[in-house]
Amino acid sequence: MLPYLLSVVTALGWVGAIVGLVAYFQVSRGRWAPNSIQFQAANLCATSMLFLVAAVHGVWPSVAANVAWMVIGAQAVLMIVRARRDTRRRAQYEEQAYTEPAEPVDHLTVRTPLAVR
C-alpha cells in the first residue's frame, strides 16, 4: 500500500477511536441515551473506521469483532428508524380516526332502522 494511503487509513483509525470514546462518554454522562440515533450512528461510524484499519493491517481478530459490532450497530439503527416510522404512522392514523365530522350531526333527527316514529 502506498505510504500516504497508509497515513490516511491510520488517521481514520484515530478518528474512529475518538468518535467511539466520545459516544461512550456521552452515554456514560447521561447526555445520550443508549438507544438514541446519535449514539448508534457514532458507534457505527467508529467501528467502520476501526474495521478499515484492522483490515489494512491484517489484524483479523479485530476485523471479526468490528464486523460483529457493525452488524449490531446497523440492526440498532434500523430498529430506531422503524420505531420512529411506526410512531409517526400511528399518530397519523389516530389523527385521521379522531377528526371532527365536517357537519355537526343532530342525533335526534337522524333516522336509523331502530328509530321510533
Protein backbone atom coordinates (compact mmCIF):
# COMPACT_ATOMS: atom_id res chain seq x y z
CA MET A 1 0.00 0.00 0.00
CA LEU A 2 1.20 3.50 -0.75
CA PRO A 3 2.61 5.33 2.26
CA TYR A 4 0.20 8.27 2.03
CA LEU A 5 -2.79 5.91 1.88
CA LEU A 6 -1.49 4.13 4.95
CA SER A 7 -1.31 7.51 6.70
CA VAL A 8 -4.91 8.29 5.69
CA VAL A 9 -6.10 4.91 6.97
CA THR A 10 -4.23 5.41 10.24
CA ALA A 11 -5.75 8.89 10.65
CA LEU A 12 -9.21 7.44 10.05
CA GLY A 13 -8.48 4.86 12.73
CA TRP A 14 -7.67 7.61 15.22
CA VAL A 15 -10.85 9.46 14.27
CA GLY A 16 -12.84 6.24 14.74
CA ALA A 17 -11.30 5.66 18.16
CA ILE A 18 -12.09 9.22 19.24
CA VAL A 19 -15.69 9.02 17.92
CA GLY A 20 -16.21 5.75 19.80
CA LEU A 21 -14.83 7.22 23.02
CA VAL A 22 -16.94 10.38 22.69
CA ALA A 23 -20.07 8.26 22.18
CA TYR A 24 -19.25 6.15 25.24
CA PHE A 25 -18.57 9.31 27.27
CA GLN A 26 -21.88 10.90 26.19
CA VAL A 27 -23.85 7.81 27.24
CA SER A 28 -21.91 7.44 30.49
CA ARG A 29 -22.65 11.06 31.40
CA GLY A 30 -26.34 10.62 30.55
CA ARG A 31 -26.28 13.11 27.69
CA TRP A 32 -27.22 10.49 25.11
CA ALA A 33 -29.50 7.52 25.60
CA PRO A 34 -28.10 4.12 24.63
CA ASN A 35 -30.99 3.70 22.19
CA SER A 36 -30.56 7.16 20.62
CA ILE A 37 -29.79 7.57 16.96
CA GLN A 38 -26.78 9.78 17.87
CA PHE A 39 -25.15 7.07 19.93
CA GLN A 40 -25.84 4.27 17.47
CA ALA A 41 -24.68 6.32 14.46
CA ALA A 42 -21.48 7.32 16.27
CA ASN A 43 -20.82 3.67 17.14
CA LEU A 44 -21.44 2.61 13.55
CA CYS A 45 -19.02 5.28 12.23
CA ALA A 46 -16.38 4.39 14.82
CA THR A 47 -16.50 0.69 14.13
CA SER A 48 -16.38 1.22 10.36
CA MET A 49 -13.19 3.26 10.66
CA LEU A 50 -11.61 0.83 13.11
CA PHE A 51 -12.56 -2.07 10.81
CA LEU A 52 -10.73 -0.39 7.94
CA VAL A 53 -7.53 0.00 9.97
CA ALA A 54 -7.67 -3.58 11.25
CA ALA A 55 -8.28 -4.97 7.75
CA VAL A 56 -5.41 -2.98 6.20
CA HIS A 57 -3.01 -4.17 8.89
CA GLY A 58 -4.32 -7.75 8.85
CA VAL A 59 -5.41 -7.83 12.48
CA TRP A 60 -8.09 -10.46 11.89
CA PRO A 61 -9.50 -10.83 15.43
CA SER A 62 -10.15 -7.09 15.44
CA VAL A 63 -11.66 -7.30 11.95
CA ALA A 64 -14.07 -10.00 13.14
CA ALA A 65 -15.01 -8.03 16.27
CA ASN A 66 -15.63 -4.90 14.21
CA VAL A 67 -17.79 -6.78 11.71
CA ALA A 68 -19.94 -8.04 14.59
CA TRP A 69 -20.03 -4.51 16.04
CA MET A 70 -21.14 -3.12 12.64
CA VAL A 71 -23.92 -5.71 12.31
CA ILE A 72 -25.19 -4.94 15.81
CA GLY A 73 -24.99 -1.18 15.18
CA ALA A 74 -26.77 -1.40 11.82
CA GLN A 75 -29.51 -3.50 13.36
CA ALA A 76 -29.92 -0.98 16.20
CA VAL A 77 -30.16 1.94 13.74
CA LEU A 78 -32.78 0.04 11.70
CA MET A 79 -34.81 -0.67 14.84
CA ILE A 80 -34.74 3.01 15.83
CA VAL A 81 -35.74 4.15 12.34
CA ARG A 82 -38.57 1.59 12.18
CA ALA A 83 -39.84 2.58 15.64
CA ARG A 84 -39.89 6.25 14.65
CA ARG A 85 -41.69 5.41 11.40
CA ASP A 86 -44.28 3.30 13.23
CA THR A 87 -44.85 6.05 15.79
CA ARG A 88 -45.33 8.61 13.02
CA ARG A 89 -47.76 6.33 11.16
CA ARG A 90 -49.69 5.58 14.34
CA ALA A 91 -50.00 9.31 15.08
CA GLN A 92 -51.26 9.98 11.53
CA TYR A 93 -53.78 7.16 11.80
CA GLU A 94 -55.06 8.38 15.16
CA GLU A 95 -55.29 11.91 13.82
CA GLN A 96 -57.39 10.73 10.88
CA ALA A 97 -59.54 8.43 13.03
CA TYR A 98 -60.46 11.13 15.55
CA THR A 99 -61.14 14.11 13.33
CA GLU A 100 -64.38 16.02 13.82
CA PRO A 101 -67.10 15.37 11.25
CA ALA A 102 -67.45 18.03 8.56
CA GLU A 103 -71.01 18.91 9.63
CA PRO A 104 -72.40 18.63 13.11
CA VAL A 105 -74.81 15.72 13.38
CA ASP A 106 -78.10 16.16 15.16
CA HIS A 107 -78.64 12.73 16.64
CA LEU A 108 -82.31 13.43 17.37
CA THR A 109 -83.25 13.75 13.70
CA VAL A 110 -81.07 11.02 12.26
CA ARG A 111 -83.17 8.09 11.21
CA THR A 112 -81.88 4.63 11.98
CA PRO A 113 -83.55 1.27 11.41
CA LEU A 114 -84.43 1.17 15.10
CA ALA A 115 -85.69 4.71 15.29
CA VAL A 116 -89.13 5.12 16.84
CA ARG A 117 -91.57 7.11 14.70
